[in-house]
Amino acid sequence: MSRLGPKHVRTRLTVWYVAVLAGTLLLYGAGTAALVLYQLRAELDHLASDDLESVEGLLSFGADGKLSLRSNYHDHPYPTSAQDRLLEVLGSDGSILYRNDLLGDRTLGSAPSPAEGLGGYSVRSIRLPDGTAVRVVSKQHNIEGRPTLIRVGFSEEILWRRFWQISIGMLAGLPLALGLAGAGGYLLAKHALDPIDRMARRVHEINVDRLNARLEIENPDDELGALAKAFNETLARLERSFEQLRRFTADASHELRTPLTALRSVGEVGLRKQRMSDDYRDVIASMLEEANRLSRLVDSLLMLSRAESGQIQLHRTVKYLTPFAREAVNFFEVLADEKGQRLSVDGDETVQAAADFAILRQVLINLVDNAIKNSPRGGAISVRILGLDDGTAAIEVEDSGPGIAVEHRDKVFDRFYRVDEGRSREAGGTGLGLSIAKWGVEAHGGRLELECPNRGGCVFRILLPTVADLDSQSQPQAQSAVNGHLDLDTQAVS
């Protein structure tokens, strides 16, 4: 619709409906009138042909050599008198042998052609000099051995009169039909679009503080119900996103405030009085420690932001997992020795996986670091490489800590979530390590599982798809848009 057209959808629908209906009715009316005209003309041709056969037997030459029509001619089947017939008989040389009184000095056509009326009837429409439309049937015939051309014509005025009566009758009723159809169409369109009006009013009431509001679904099986359902699902996703954003903002602010407050406090204490150089070194060391904590938190947040916005691309290669795990875990031997913990790696040396091993290394480092932090002194951390029956590659990280209560297990992968707030903060964690680990595994098309046996401790299990499954995996999981590469140290993702 143009800008000058109706603004409301219901009006535009009604206009289109009426326009289509008008075109359909006009085409139907024109077709009907044309069919009636064709049938009437075919009937007239048939009657004219029958009349010509009757006329052939009534024509004869008199003693004077003139052609005449015997008076004992009975009325032909056409429902008019015999005088309605226009009759003309021509000789082989085109001379006029006979004309009836109704035709007078008029003629039913030009000079005959050799093919006119030869071997059958020749039918055509002509107009007399006075404008009368005439249907003419011609046939060549021998009268008493003399070749002649007989032409019989009947006026078509009655045909056209009936044609125009039907056409005008249809056109006269067209405005009434379109008016009734337009009114009915407008009411139907209004009734059909009323749910959309209610949806629009409801949507206007929804804002950032009322994202829990939903559209009413009157009929979930029709198109409007599907639209309302899709909109409600979108609102639910937005509500979850806003809630996660609020929680993330609050948690990030809380985490950032702690090192910033520590930096300010240490700096203020260091400036209160004159100190020795060693004291200043301690102050600066404390400030650097808090700055490092702040830097690690910012790096982790940046990495998660890039991961969720699709700015990390996976570069897959195929490697054996057991040597890879040993190389990654060796980084923690010093830390484990400080706590008197045993750190071991074992498993199937033949298990392979296709992965971005820079990202997978950070995932494994996060899990091992988490296991060391949560295992007591003298405890044991075990890393196992397994090949499952379905061909899936598994990496298990088991600690000897106190385990995780059931109510916390579904939340440990949430950002900033800590089962033990105080201990995790003292250990230098930010509550982001397991979130990053989960993302890293899922980016490879795998999954990260948590199992806490009754005997204590926890088992984090990385499940990676087989090498053969890579061709069937969806590319959006393997390629997360723009170029980027993950290369963080263990503290940046703890």
Protein backbone atom coordinates (compact mmCIF):
# COMPACT_ATOMS: atom_id res chain seq x y z
CA MET A 1 0.00 0.00 0.00
CA SER A 2 1.15 3.53 -0.71
CA ARG A 3 1.44 6.19 1.94
CA LEU A 4 -1.85 7.66 0.71
CA GLY A 5 -3.64 4.36 1.29
CA PRO A 6 -5.53 3.30 4.42
CA LYS A 7 -3.43 3.22 7.56
CA HIS A 8 -5.19 0.33 9.27
CA VAL A 9 -4.58 -3.25 8.27
CA ARG A 10 -8.25 -4.15 8.55
CA THR A 11 -9.15 -1.38 6.09
CA ARG A 12 -6.43 -2.43 3.67
CA LEU A 13 -7.60 -6.04 3.89
CA THR A 14 -11.16 -4.95 3.21
CA VAL A 15 -10.13 -2.82 0.22
CA TRP A 16 -8.09 -5.66 -1.23
CA TYR A 17 -10.89 -8.12 -0.59
CA VAL A 18 -13.50 -5.91 -2.26
CA ALA A 19 -11.15 -5.19 -5.20
CA VAL A 20 -10.46 -8.88 -5.75
CA LEU A 21 -14.14 -9.72 -5.40
CA ALA A 22 -15.10 -6.94 -7.85
CA GLY A 23 -12.60 -8.22 -10.40
CA THR A 24 -13.82 -11.77 -9.92
CA LEU A 25 -17.47 -10.78 -10.29
CA LEU A 26 -16.72 -8.68 -13.37
CA LEU A 27 -14.87 -11.55 -14.99
CA TYR A 28 -17.64 -13.94 -14.03
CA GLY A 29 -20.35 -11.60 -15.32
CA ALA A 30 -18.50 -10.94 -18.57
CA GLY A 31 -17.94 -14.66 -19.07
CA THR A 32 -21.57 -15.46 -18.33
CA ALA A 33 -22.88 -12.78 -20.70
CA ALA A 34 -20.48 -13.90 -23.43
CA LEU A 35 -21.59 -17.52 -22.96
CA VAL A 36 -25.25 -16.53 -23.19
CA LEU A 37 -24.53 -14.54 -26.35
CA TYR A 38 -22.66 -17.49 -27.83
CA GLN A 39 -25.48 -19.91 -27.03
CA LEU A 40 -28.17 -17.58 -28.43
CA ARG A 41 -26.14 -17.06 -31.59
CA ALA A 42 -25.58 -20.81 -31.95
CA GLU A 43 -29.33 -21.35 -31.55
CA LEU A 44 -30.04 -18.67 -34.15
CA ASP A 45 -27.55 -20.27 -36.56
CA HIS A 46 -29.27 -23.61 -36.10
CA LEU A 47 -32.71 -22.16 -36.70
CA ALA A 48 -31.48 -20.21 -39.72
CA SER A 49 -29.97 -23.35 -41.21
CA ASP A 50 -33.24 -25.24 -40.72
CA ASP A 51 -35.15 -22.36 -42.30
CA LEU A 52 -32.81 -22.31 -45.29
CA GLU A 53 -33.51 -26.02 -45.88
CA SER A 54 -37.23 -25.27 -45.86
CA VAL A 55 -36.80 -22.36 -48.25
CA GLU A 56 -34.86 -24.51 -50.75
CA GLY A 57 -37.94 -26.63 -51.39
CA LEU A 58 -40.24 -23.63 -51.83
CA LEU A 59 -38.28 -21.75 -54.49
CA SER A 60 -39.18 -22.28 -58.16
CA PHE A 61 -38.96 -20.55 -61.53
CA GLY A 62 -42.22 -19.40 -63.13
CA ALA A 63 -43.23 -19.44 -66.80
CA ASP A 64 -41.78 -15.94 -67.11
CA GLY A 65 -38.40 -17.19 -65.87
CA LYS A 66 -38.62 -15.33 -62.56
CA LEU A 67 -37.84 -17.01 -59.29
CA SER A 68 -40.60 -16.96 -56.68
CA LEU A 69 -41.37 -18.40 -53.24
CA ARG A 70 -44.49 -20.52 -53.00
CA SER A 71 -47.09 -19.18 -50.62
CA ASN A 72 -47.71 -22.49 -48.82
CA TYR A 73 -44.58 -21.92 -46.66
CA HIS A 74 -45.26 -22.64 -43.03
CA ASP A 75 -43.73 -20.64 -40.20
CA HIS A 76 -40.17 -21.69 -39.39
CA PRO A 77 -39.21 -22.74 -35.81
CA TYR A 78 -37.84 -19.33 -34.87
CA PRO A 79 -40.52 -17.62 -32.74
CA THR A 80 -41.29 -14.78 -35.14
CA SER A 81 -43.42 -14.39 -38.26
CA ALA A 82 -42.20 -15.42 -41.68
CA GLN A 83 -41.67 -11.77 -42.65
CA ASP A 84 -38.84 -11.56 -40.10
CA ARG A 85 -36.78 -13.64 -42.46
CA LEU A 86 -34.47 -11.80 -44.83
CA LEU A 87 -34.13 -13.84 -48.02
CA GLU A 88 -31.88 -13.31 -51.01
CA VAL A 89 -31.17 -15.67 -53.93
CA LEU A 90 -28.26 -14.99 -56.32
CA GLY A 91 -27.39 -16.54 -59.67
CA SER A 92 -24.01 -18.00 -60.50
CA ASP A 93 -23.05 -14.67 -62.09
CA GLY A 94 -23.95 -12.75 -58.93
CA SER A 95 -27.22 -11.41 -60.29
CA ILE A 96 -30.11 -11.12 -57.88
CA LEU A 97 -32.80 -13.64 -58.72
CA TYR A 98 -35.04 -13.06 -55.71
CA ARG A 99 -35.39 -10.80 -52.65
CA ASN A 100 -38.26 -10.88 -50.22
CA ASP A 101 -40.19 -7.75 -49.36
CA LEU A 102 -38.65 -7.44 -45.85
CA LEU A 103 -35.18 -7.15 -47.37
CA GLY A 104 -36.33 -4.62 -50.00
CA ASP A 105 -33.47 -3.13 -51.98
CA ARG A 106 -30.90 -4.06 -49.36
CA THR A 107 -28.45 -6.89 -49.85
CA LEU A 108 -27.17 -9.57 -47.49
CA GLY A 109 -23.58 -9.13 -48.49
CA SER A 110 -21.30 -8.33 -51.36
CA ALA A 111 -20.87 -10.36 -54.52
CA PRO A 112 -20.53 -14.06 -53.62
CA SER A 113 -17.21 -15.78 -53.65
CA PRO A 114 -16.85 -19.21 -55.31
CA ALA A 115 -16.39 -20.84 -51.88
CA GLU A 116 -19.43 -19.25 -50.21
CA GLY A 117 -21.97 -21.92 -49.35
CA LEU A 118 -20.05 -24.60 -51.18
CA GLY A 119 -20.28 -28.03 -49.56
CA GLY A 120 -22.15 -26.75 -46.51
CA TYR A 121 -23.38 -23.68 -44.71
CA SER A 122 -21.44 -20.41 -44.61
CA VAL A 123 -22.32 -18.39 -41.51
CA ARG A 124 -21.33 -14.78 -40.81
CA SER A 125 -22.58 -11.58 -39.20
CA ILE A 126 -23.07 -8.39 -41.20
CA ARG A 127 -24.59 -4.97 -40.77
CA LEU A 128 -27.16 -3.59 -43.16
CA PRO A 129 -26.82 -0.01 -44.38
CA ASP A 130 -29.31 1.11 -41.71
CA GLY A 131 -27.05 -0.40 -39.02
CA THR A 132 -29.11 -3.52 -38.31
CA ALA A 133 -26.98 -6.49 -37.19
CA VAL A 134 -27.92 -9.58 -39.19
CA ARG A 135 -26.82 -13.20 -38.94
CA VAL A 136 -26.55 -14.64 -42.46
CA VAL A 137 -26.48 -18.31 -43.48
CA SER A 138 -25.53 -19.11 -47.11
CA LYS A 139 -25.64 -22.30 -49.17
CA GLN A 140 -25.25 -23.11 -52.86
CA HIS A 141 -28.23 -25.01 -54.32
CA ASN A 142 -29.53 -26.08 -57.71
CA ILE A 143 -33.06 -24.94 -58.46
CA GLU A 144 -34.51 -26.74 -61.44
CA GLY A 145 -31.01 -27.42 -62.68
CA ARG A 146 -29.79 -23.85 -62.32
CA PRO A 147 -26.98 -23.15 -59.76
CA THR A 148 -27.97 -20.52 -57.17
CA LEU A 149 -26.74 -19.14 -53.86
CA ILE A 150 -29.41 -18.84 -51.19
CA ARG A 151 -28.86 -16.40 -48.33
CA VAL A 152 -31.13 -16.36 -45.29
CA GLY A 153 -30.66 -13.73 -42.60
CA PHE A 154 -32.21 -13.00 -39.24
CA SER A 155 -31.78 -9.89 -37.13
CA GLU A 156 -29.40 -10.21 -34.12
CA GLU A 157 -31.05 -7.39 -32.24
CA ILE A 158 -32.90 -9.76 -29.93
CA LEU A 159 -29.61 -11.48 -29.11
CA TRP A 160 -27.87 -8.26 -28.22
CA ARG A 161 -30.91 -7.04 -26.30
CA ARG A 162 -30.79 -10.12 -24.09
CA PHE A 163 -27.00 -9.79 -23.77
CA TRP A 164 -27.27 -6.21 -22.52
CA GLN A 165 -30.18 -7.06 -20.25
CA ILE A 166 -28.03 -9.70 -18.52
CA SER A 167 -24.95 -7.44 -18.42
CA ILE A 168 -26.81 -4.42 -17.04
CA GLY A 169 -28.60 -6.61 -14.51
CA MET A 170 -25.29 -7.95 -13.24
CA LEU A 171 -23.69 -4.48 -13.17
CA ALA A 172 -26.70 -3.06 -11.33
CA GLY A 173 -26.36 -5.66 -8.59
CA LEU A 174 -22.57 -5.35 -8.36
CA PRO A 175 -22.45 -2.30 -6.00
CA LEU A 176 -24.90 -3.94 -3.60
CA ALA A 177 -22.91 -7.19 -3.62
CA LEU A 178 -19.63 -5.35 -3.11
CA GLY A 179 -21.12 -3.22 -0.34
CA LEU A 180 -22.37 -6.26 1.55
CA ALA A 181 -19.09 -8.08 0.94
CA GLY A 182 -17.07 -5.04 2.08
CA ALA A 183 -19.07 -4.68 5.29
CA GLY A 184 -18.81 -8.38 6.01
CA GLY A 185 -15.12 -8.41 5.13
CA TYR A 186 -14.42 -5.45 7.40
CA LEU A 187 -16.19 -7.12 10.32
CA LEU A 188 -14.33 -10.37 9.69
CA ALA A 189 -10.99 -8.56 9.43
CA LYS A 190 -11.73 -6.63 12.62
CA HIS A 191 -12.67 -9.81 14.43
CA ALA A 192 -9.55 -11.57 13.15
CA LEU A 193 -7.24 -8.69 14.08
CA ASP A 194 -8.72 -7.91 17.49
CA PRO A 195 -6.32 -10.39 19.18
CA ILE A 196 -3.40 -8.52 17.61
CA ASP A 197 -4.75 -5.24 19.03
CA ARG A 198 -4.93 -6.84 22.46
CA MET A 199 -1.39 -8.17 22.02
CA ALA A 200 -0.17 -4.71 21.05
CA ARG A 201 -1.77 -3.11 24.11
CA ARG A 202 -0.28 -5.82 26.31
CA VAL A 203 3.17 -5.39 24.75
CA HIS A 204 3.05 -1.64 25.45
CA GLU A 205 2.60 -2.47 29.13
CA ILE A 206 5.76 -4.61 29.22
CA ASN A 207 8.99 -2.86 30.15
CA VAL A 208 12.32 -3.74 31.71
CA ASP A 209 10.69 -3.93 35.14
CA ARG A 210 7.87 -6.17 33.93
CA LEU A 211 9.64 -8.73 31.79
CA ASN A 212 7.80 -11.46 33.68
CA ALA A 213 4.54 -10.41 31.99
CA ARG A 214 3.30 -12.61 29.17
CA LEU A 215 0.79 -12.41 26.33
CA GLU A 216 -2.45 -14.31 26.68
CA ILE A 217 -2.78 -17.19 24.20
CA GLU A 218 -6.43 -17.62 23.24
CA ASN A 219 -5.89 -20.39 20.71
CA PRO A 220 -2.44 -22.00 20.71
CA ASP A 221 -3.22 -23.93 17.50
CA ASP A 222 -3.71 -20.98 15.12
CA GLU A 223 -1.21 -18.52 13.63
CA LEU A 224 -1.86 -15.80 16.21
CA GLY A 225 -1.42 -18.31 19.00
CA ALA A 226 1.91 -19.36 17.47
CA LEU A 227 2.91 -15.68 17.27
CA ALA A 228 1.99 -15.07 20.91
CA LYS A 229 3.83 -18.23 21.97
CA ALA A 230 6.96 -17.16 20.07
CA PHE A 231 6.77 -13.69 21.63
CA ASN A 232 6.38 -15.18 25.10
CA GLU A 233 9.40 -17.39 24.51
CA THR A 234 11.35 -14.32 23.41
CA LEU A 235 10.27 -12.49 26.55
CA ALA A 236 11.35 -15.46 28.65
CA ARG A 237 14.79 -15.43 27.01
CA LEU A 238 15.06 -11.67 27.51
CA GLU A 239 14.02 -12.04 31.13
CA ARG A 240 16.68 -14.68 31.71
CA SER A 241 19.27 -12.56 29.91
CA PHE A 242 18.41 -9.45 31.92
CA GLU A 243 18.43 -11.45 35.13
CA GLN A 244 21.83 -12.91 34.25
CA LEU A 245 23.06 -9.46 33.32
CA ARG A 246 21.85 -8.00 36.61
CA ARG A 247 23.40 -10.85 38.58
CA PHE A 248 26.60 -10.67 36.58
CA THR A 249 26.86 -6.90 37.06
CA ALA A 250 26.25 -7.19 40.77
CA ASP A 251 28.72 -10.06 41.17
CA ALA A 252 31.35 -8.37 39.03
CA SER A 253 30.96 -5.14 40.98
CA HIS A 254 31.33 -7.04 44.23
CA GLU A 255 34.41 -8.89 43.00
CA LEU A 256 36.02 -5.75 41.63
CA ARG A 257 35.32 -3.80 44.80
CA THR A 258 37.31 -6.20 46.99
CA PRO A 259 40.75 -5.78 45.34
CA LEU A 260 40.13 -2.07 44.76
CA THR A 261 39.30 -1.59 48.42
CA ALA A 262 42.40 -3.57 49.40
CA LEU A 263 44.56 -1.45 47.10
CA ARG A 264 43.22 1.75 48.57
CA SER A 265 43.59 0.51 52.16
CA VAL A 266 47.17 -0.67 51.68
CA GLY A 267 48.07 2.59 49.98
CA GLU A 268 46.49 4.70 52.71
CA VAL A 269 48.26 2.71 55.43
CA GLY A 270 51.58 3.07 53.61
CA LEU A 271 51.20 6.86 53.44
CA ARG A 272 50.22 7.49 57.04
CA LYS A 273 53.79 7.68 58.33
CA GLN A 274 57.38 7.48 57.25
CA ARG A 275 58.59 3.92 56.79
CA MET A 276 61.70 2.00 56.01
CA SER A 277 62.39 0.85 52.48
CA ASP A 278 61.61 -2.77 53.38
CA ASP A 279 58.21 -1.68 54.71
CA TYR A 280 57.49 0.13 51.47
CA ARG A 281 58.46 -2.98 49.54
CA ASP A 282 55.94 -4.98 51.57
CA VAL A 283 53.27 -2.36 50.87
CA ILE A 284 54.04 -2.37 47.17
CA ALA A 285 54.06 -6.17 47.12
CA SER A 286 50.62 -6.24 48.74
CA MET A 287 49.34 -3.70 46.23
CA LEU A 288 50.78 -5.74 43.35
CA GLU A 289 49.12 -8.86 44.70
CA GLU A 290 45.74 -7.15 44.72
CA ALA A 291 46.45 -5.66 41.27
CA ASN A 292 47.22 -9.16 40.00
CA ARG A 293 43.97 -10.42 41.47
CA LEU A 294 42.13 -7.56 39.74
CA SER A 295 43.94 -8.26 36.47
CA ARG A 296 43.04 -11.95 36.62
CA LEU A 297 39.39 -11.11 37.21
CA VAL A 298 39.29 -8.65 34.32
CA ASP A 299 41.03 -11.15 32.01
CA SER A 300 38.52 -13.83 32.94
CA LEU A 301 35.57 -11.53 32.39
CA LEU A 302 36.99 -10.42 29.05
CA MET A 303 37.50 -14.01 27.96
CA LEU A 304 33.92 -14.97 28.89
CA SER A 305 32.59 -11.91 27.08
CA ARG A 306 34.54 -12.78 23.94
CA ALA A 307 33.43 -16.40 24.13
CA GLU A 308 29.73 -15.56 24.47
CA SER A 309 29.85 -12.95 21.71
CA GLY A 310 31.40 -15.43 19.27
CA GLN A 311 34.89 -13.91 19.09
CA ILE A 312 36.84 -17.11 19.71
CA GLN A 313 37.57 -19.47 16.84
CA LEU A 314 38.59 -23.06 17.44
CA HIS A 315 41.67 -24.43 15.69
CA ARG A 316 41.31 -28.19 15.89
CA THR A 317 44.14 -30.69 15.73
CA VAL A 318 44.28 -34.40 16.57
CA LYS A 319 46.39 -35.50 19.54
CA TYR A 320 46.72 -38.32 22.03
CA LEU A 321 45.08 -37.18 25.26
CA THR A 322 47.31 -38.92 27.84
CA PRO A 323 50.59 -37.17 26.88
CA PHE A 324 48.66 -33.92 26.54
CA ALA A 325 47.20 -34.29 30.04
CA ARG A 326 50.62 -35.04 31.54
CA GLU A 327 52.08 -31.93 29.95
CA ALA A 328 49.25 -29.73 31.23
CA VAL A 329 49.22 -31.21 34.76
CA ASN A 330 53.00 -30.94 35.21
CA PHE A 331 52.44 -27.24 35.67
CA PHE A 332 50.85 -27.98 39.07
CA GLU A 333 53.44 -30.31 40.54
CA VAL A 334 55.09 -27.55 42.56
CA LEU A 335 51.75 -26.33 43.90
CA ALA A 336 50.70 -29.89 44.81
CA ASP A 337 54.04 -30.55 46.54
CA GLU A 338 53.57 -27.45 48.69
CA LYS A 339 50.34 -28.96 50.03
CA GLY A 340 51.74 -32.49 50.23
CA GLN A 341 49.25 -33.72 47.65
CA ARG A 342 49.70 -36.56 45.19
CA LEU A 343 49.04 -35.64 41.57
CA SER A 344 48.80 -38.50 39.06
CA VAL A 345 47.88 -38.95 35.40
CA ASP A 346 47.05 -42.34 33.92
CA GLY A 347 44.75 -43.94 31.39
CA ASP A 348 44.57 -45.30 27.88
CA GLU A 349 47.55 -44.12 25.86
CA THR A 350 45.71 -44.70 22.55
CA VAL A 351 42.77 -42.36 23.13
CA GLN A 352 42.71 -39.47 20.67
CA ALA A 353 40.59 -36.36 20.28
CA ALA A 354 40.34 -33.51 17.77
CA ALA A 355 40.24 -30.22 19.67
CA ASP A 356 41.69 -26.78 20.07
CA PHE A 357 44.25 -27.90 22.61
CA ALA A 358 45.02 -24.36 23.76
CA ILE A 359 41.44 -24.04 24.99
CA LEU A 360 41.27 -27.65 26.20
CA ARG A 361 44.48 -27.06 28.16
CA GLN A 362 42.84 -24.15 30.00
CA VAL A 363 39.79 -26.32 30.72
CA LEU A 364 41.98 -29.06 32.23
CA ILE A 365 44.09 -26.51 34.15
CA ASN A 366 40.94 -24.98 35.64
CA LEU A 367 39.66 -28.37 36.81
CA VAL A 368 43.02 -29.47 38.25
CA ASP A 369 43.49 -26.10 39.95
CA ASN A 370 39.99 -26.41 41.42
CA ALA A 371 40.78 -29.95 42.62
CA ILE A 372 44.03 -28.83 44.33
CA LYS A 373 42.29 -25.93 46.07
CA ASN A 374 39.49 -28.10 47.40
CA SER A 375 41.58 -31.12 48.43
CA PRO A 376 43.13 -31.19 51.91
CA ARG A 377 46.84 -31.41 52.64
CA GLY A 378 48.08 -34.90 51.95
CA GLY A 379 45.15 -35.54 49.60
CA ALA A 380 45.25 -37.02 46.11
CA ILE A 381 44.24 -35.62 42.72
CA SER A 382 43.84 -38.09 39.89
CA VAL A 383 43.55 -37.38 36.17
CA ARG A 384 42.33 -40.33 34.07
CA ILE A 385 42.03 -40.69 30.29
CA LEU A 386 39.34 -43.14 29.15
CA GLY A 387 37.95 -44.36 25.86
CA LEU A 388 34.24 -45.14 26.30
CA ASP A 389 32.36 -47.88 24.47
CA ASP A 390 30.62 -45.42 22.14
CA GLY A 391 33.99 -44.02 21.04
CA THR A 392 33.71 -40.89 23.17
CA ALA A 393 36.94 -39.65 24.73
CA ALA A 394 36.72 -38.87 28.45
CA ILE A 395 39.05 -36.97 30.80
CA GLU A 396 38.23 -37.39 34.49
CA VAL A 397 39.62 -35.11 37.23
CA GLU A 398 38.98 -36.52 40.71
CA ASP A 399 39.84 -34.78 43.96
CA SER A 400 39.79 -35.95 47.59
CA GLY A 401 37.96 -32.94 48.97
CA PRO A 402 34.77 -32.90 51.05
CA GLY A 403 32.55 -33.08 47.96
CA ILE A 404 29.73 -30.78 46.93
CA ALA A 405 26.28 -30.88 48.48
CA VAL A 406 23.38 -31.78 46.20
CA GLU A 407 21.87 -28.30 46.38
CA HIS A 408 25.08 -26.75 45.04
CA ARG A 409 25.87 -29.14 42.19
CA ASP A 410 23.66 -27.43 39.58
CA LYS A 411 25.11 -24.03 40.45
CA VAL A 412 28.85 -24.62 40.59
CA PHE A 413 29.17 -23.78 36.89
CA ASP A 414 27.46 -20.39 37.36
CA ARG A 415 29.63 -17.31 37.32
CA PHE A 416 31.00 -16.12 40.66
CA TYR A 417 29.32 -19.01 42.46
CA ARG A 418 31.27 -20.36 45.43
CA VAL A 419 30.33 -23.18 47.72
CA ASP A 420 32.68 -21.68 50.31
CA GLU A 421 33.00 -17.91 49.85
CA GLY A 422 35.80 -17.31 52.32
CA ARG A 423 38.04 -20.20 51.35
CA SER A 424 37.76 -19.55 47.63
CA ARG A 425 38.62 -15.89 48.01
CA GLU A 426 41.65 -16.69 50.16
CA ALA A 427 42.82 -19.17 47.55
CA GLY A 428 42.73 -16.43 44.94
CA GLY A 429 39.76 -17.72 42.93
CA THR A 430 37.10 -15.56 41.32
CA GLY A 431 34.32 -18.10 40.84
CA LEU A 432 34.74 -18.04 37.06
CA GLY A 433 37.01 -21.05 36.46
CA LEU A 434 34.28 -23.70 36.20
CA SER A 435 32.13 -21.40 34.03
CA ILE A 436 35.03 -21.03 31.61
CA ALA A 437 35.69 -24.79 31.71
CA LYS A 438 32.08 -25.59 30.88
CA TRP A 439 32.09 -23.17 27.97
CA GLY A 440 35.37 -24.60 26.65
CA VAL A 441 34.02 -28.17 26.62
CA GLU A 442 30.67 -27.23 25.05
CA ALA A 443 32.45 -25.21 22.36
CA HIS A 444 33.98 -28.52 21.22
CA GLY A 445 30.57 -30.18 21.03
CA GLY A 446 31.13 -32.09 24.25
CA ARG A 447 29.81 -31.78 27.78
CA LEU A 448 31.19 -31.38 31.30
CA GLU A 449 29.69 -33.62 33.98
CA LEU A 450 29.97 -33.54 37.76
CA GLU A 451 29.75 -36.62 39.94
CA CYS A 452 30.19 -36.67 43.72
CA PRO A 453 30.58 -40.24 45.12
CA ASN A 454 29.33 -41.03 48.59
CA ARG A 455 32.88 -41.72 49.74
CA GLY A 456 33.71 -38.02 49.28
CA GLY A 457 35.46 -35.95 46.70
CA CYS A 458 34.23 -34.93 43.27
CA VAL A 459 34.80 -36.17 39.73
CA PHE A 460 34.63 -33.66 36.88
CA ARG A 461 34.30 -35.57 33.61
CA ILE A 462 35.09 -34.03 30.21
CA LEU A 463 33.35 -35.89 27.37
CA LEU A 464 34.61 -35.11 23.86
CA PRO A 465 33.13 -36.39 20.58
CA THR A 466 35.08 -38.91 18.57
CA VAL A 467 37.27 -37.87 15.68
CA ALA A 468 34.83 -39.57 13.28
CA ASP A 469 31.96 -37.45 14.62
CA LEU A 470 33.65 -34.15 13.75
CA ASP A 471 32.38 -34.12 10.16
CA SER A 472 28.79 -34.35 11.39
CA GLN A 473 29.11 -31.70 14.07
CA SER A 474 27.59 -28.30 13.41
CA GLN A 475 30.09 -25.65 12.45
CA PRO A 476 28.68 -22.94 14.77
CA GLN A 477 30.01 -24.97 17.70
CA ALA A 478 33.42 -25.37 16.12
CA GLN A 479 33.72 -21.82 14.80
CA SER A 480 32.59 -18.95 16.97
CA ALA A 481 32.85 -16.14 14.41
CA VAL A 482 35.84 -13.80 14.47
CA ASN A 483 39.50 -14.60 15.01
CA GLY A 484 40.68 -15.00 18.55
CA HIS A 485 42.85 -17.28 20.59
CA LEU A 486 42.84 -18.23 24.26
CA ASP A 487 46.21 -18.10 25.98
CA LEU A 488 45.75 -17.39 29.69
CA ASP A 489 47.84 -18.58 32.60
CA THR A 490 46.34 -20.71 35.30
CA GLN A 491 45.57 -17.80 37.60
CA ALA A 492 43.69 -15.92 34.91
CA VAL A 493 41.07 -18.64 34.69
CA SER A 494 41.00 -19.87 38.27
